[in-house]
Amino acid sequence: MNSDSADIGLIGLAVMGQNLALNIADHGYSIAVYNRSSEKTAEFMTRCRQKEPSGERVLGFTDLKEFTQAIRRPRKIILLVKAGAPTDRTIESLLPHLDPGDIIVDGGNAHWLDTIRRDKELTAKGFRFIGSGVSGGETGARFGPSLMPGGSPSAWAELEPIWRAIAAKVDPQSGVPLEGAAPGKPVEGGVPCTAYIGPNGAGHYVKMVHNGIEYIDMQLICEAYWLMKHLLGLDAGAIGEIFREWNGGELSSYLIEITGDILGQKDPAGPGFLVDQVLDAAGQKGTGMWTAASALELGAPANSIAEAVFARALSALKEERVEASRLLKGPDLQPASNSAEIIDAVRRALYCSKICAYAQGFQLLSEAQKAYEWTLDFGTIAQLWRGGCIIRARFLQKITDAYTRNPGLKNLMLDPYFKDVLHEGQSRWRQTVTIAIQNGMPVPAFSSALAYFDGYRSARLPANLLQAQRDYFGAHTYERTDQPRGKFFHLDWPTPDRPQIEV
């Protein structure tokens, strides 16, 4: 194989790596691929030769040195390997074969602090680094993901043409994803769902927040399904039809769309619907927990995202829950007769809660940019989530519009469009949460989103008592409403030996 014959390289041929490599080849770029297991490389190259229209542009290697020699300088090499130590080991094995100025692109779900560390270490050694979020799963990687790159600006300048080519595309006017891509036939035109996010770990942080929003988005949909199933006695197929109807309106999104498909799927192993036979114990890979933990560390009120993580954790306690269901009793379920009203109330609760979830995500990004000295463009971030990624939705265009109108918008709920939606929908939203509580049905996502809305719109909160408590037991001081912010006071609080202080 001649040297300098590939435009880019890729290490890691699991499902995501294979599909991203084929996506790159579909767009006219030659790509060298390598996997630690030579058998995996051989299998993929057989697929390329026999089944893939662009397979001739994929060059397979079983030797790391030969792999790197085949890539045009300055080299651009994508890593799609397991996050954490495996990524570090891959970089360590790769560096002896690289030249100063070469570019390493980590496309895995890396922790942003690891990305910051790797960027600093590689820059010190003369290399350039990009940490890029890649969202969209197997199909997105193959036909157009949402790509969130952060790192070296000069590296991004060289990677940008490829990233823009392979990213998902949306209609420039409506923001609706352009579809119809097929192997060897990528979508032409449209606005690519990628843009430079910021230095070092910014790209991976934004991807992490995307995943945190994904957690709450999914939990909200699950609660809507559960309420309609139990309050209205609807079977999965009927609820699926409701979701398909909702997908034609303001709730239109990838997750709403697939929910309609999932609920309508008959059980291939017997009568009824498949969803009724799926175990109610959800797994998680960690990015939602990272998001909640970062929110706690930065003091950002992302309570709904955290509740979605806790809901998965509670679901995993299946055996305990089964035992508890025999011992702990709640109210008797009172089925509702006004089905049209309940369906409308759940729909409004879902949309209002979704707005709050995204507001929390962007509020967390606002705090993160201060902590890590990034400058994030929230309108651009919303734009690149419009297609390719799991949370792609019609209303992301509304978020883009909101930050276009007011780049300094402090909270998404304050935008005129979203403010009106929340005002119009809150009575039915409250009705939904009330009915759920009265019937003993857990709705942590709906109720925590409502608490966030009510807390954020409150000019006064009971934290005045909390501050007094902290000063009483720990002399932590407090501020006064009749004094400027930032001026602190302490009181020698009365005890049984010291009477109440009087003025």
Foldseek 3Di string as FASTA:
>chain_A
DAFQQFAAEEEDPDLLRLQLQLLLLLLPGAYEYEYQDVVSLVVSLVCLVPPFPSSVSYHYDHDLLVSLRRHHPVYEYEYADDEDPVVVVVCVVNVVNHDQAREYEYAYLYDLVVQLVVLVVQVVVRYWYKYKHWFFPSVCSNAAAQIQIAADPVVCVSCVVSNQSSHWFAAPPQLATDDDDDRSRHDDDHGGLYDHFYHGSRNSVLNLLVVLLVLLLLLLVVLLVVCCCQQVVDALQVVLVLLVVCLVDQFNWLSSPVSSVQSNDADPVDGGHPVVVDQQADDDDCSLVVLVVLCVVLVQPLVLSVLSVVSNVVSNPPVVVVVVPVPDDDDAADHDDPSVLLNVLSSLLSVLLSLLNVQSSVLSVVSVCVVVVTDGQQLSSLSSLCDNHRGRGSCSVVVNVQCVVPVPDNTSCPRPVNVVSCVVNVVSLVVNVVSCVNNVHDSSSSVSSVVVVVVVPDPDDPCVVVQVVCLQPPVPFDDDPVDDPPDTDHDPQADPVGDGDDD
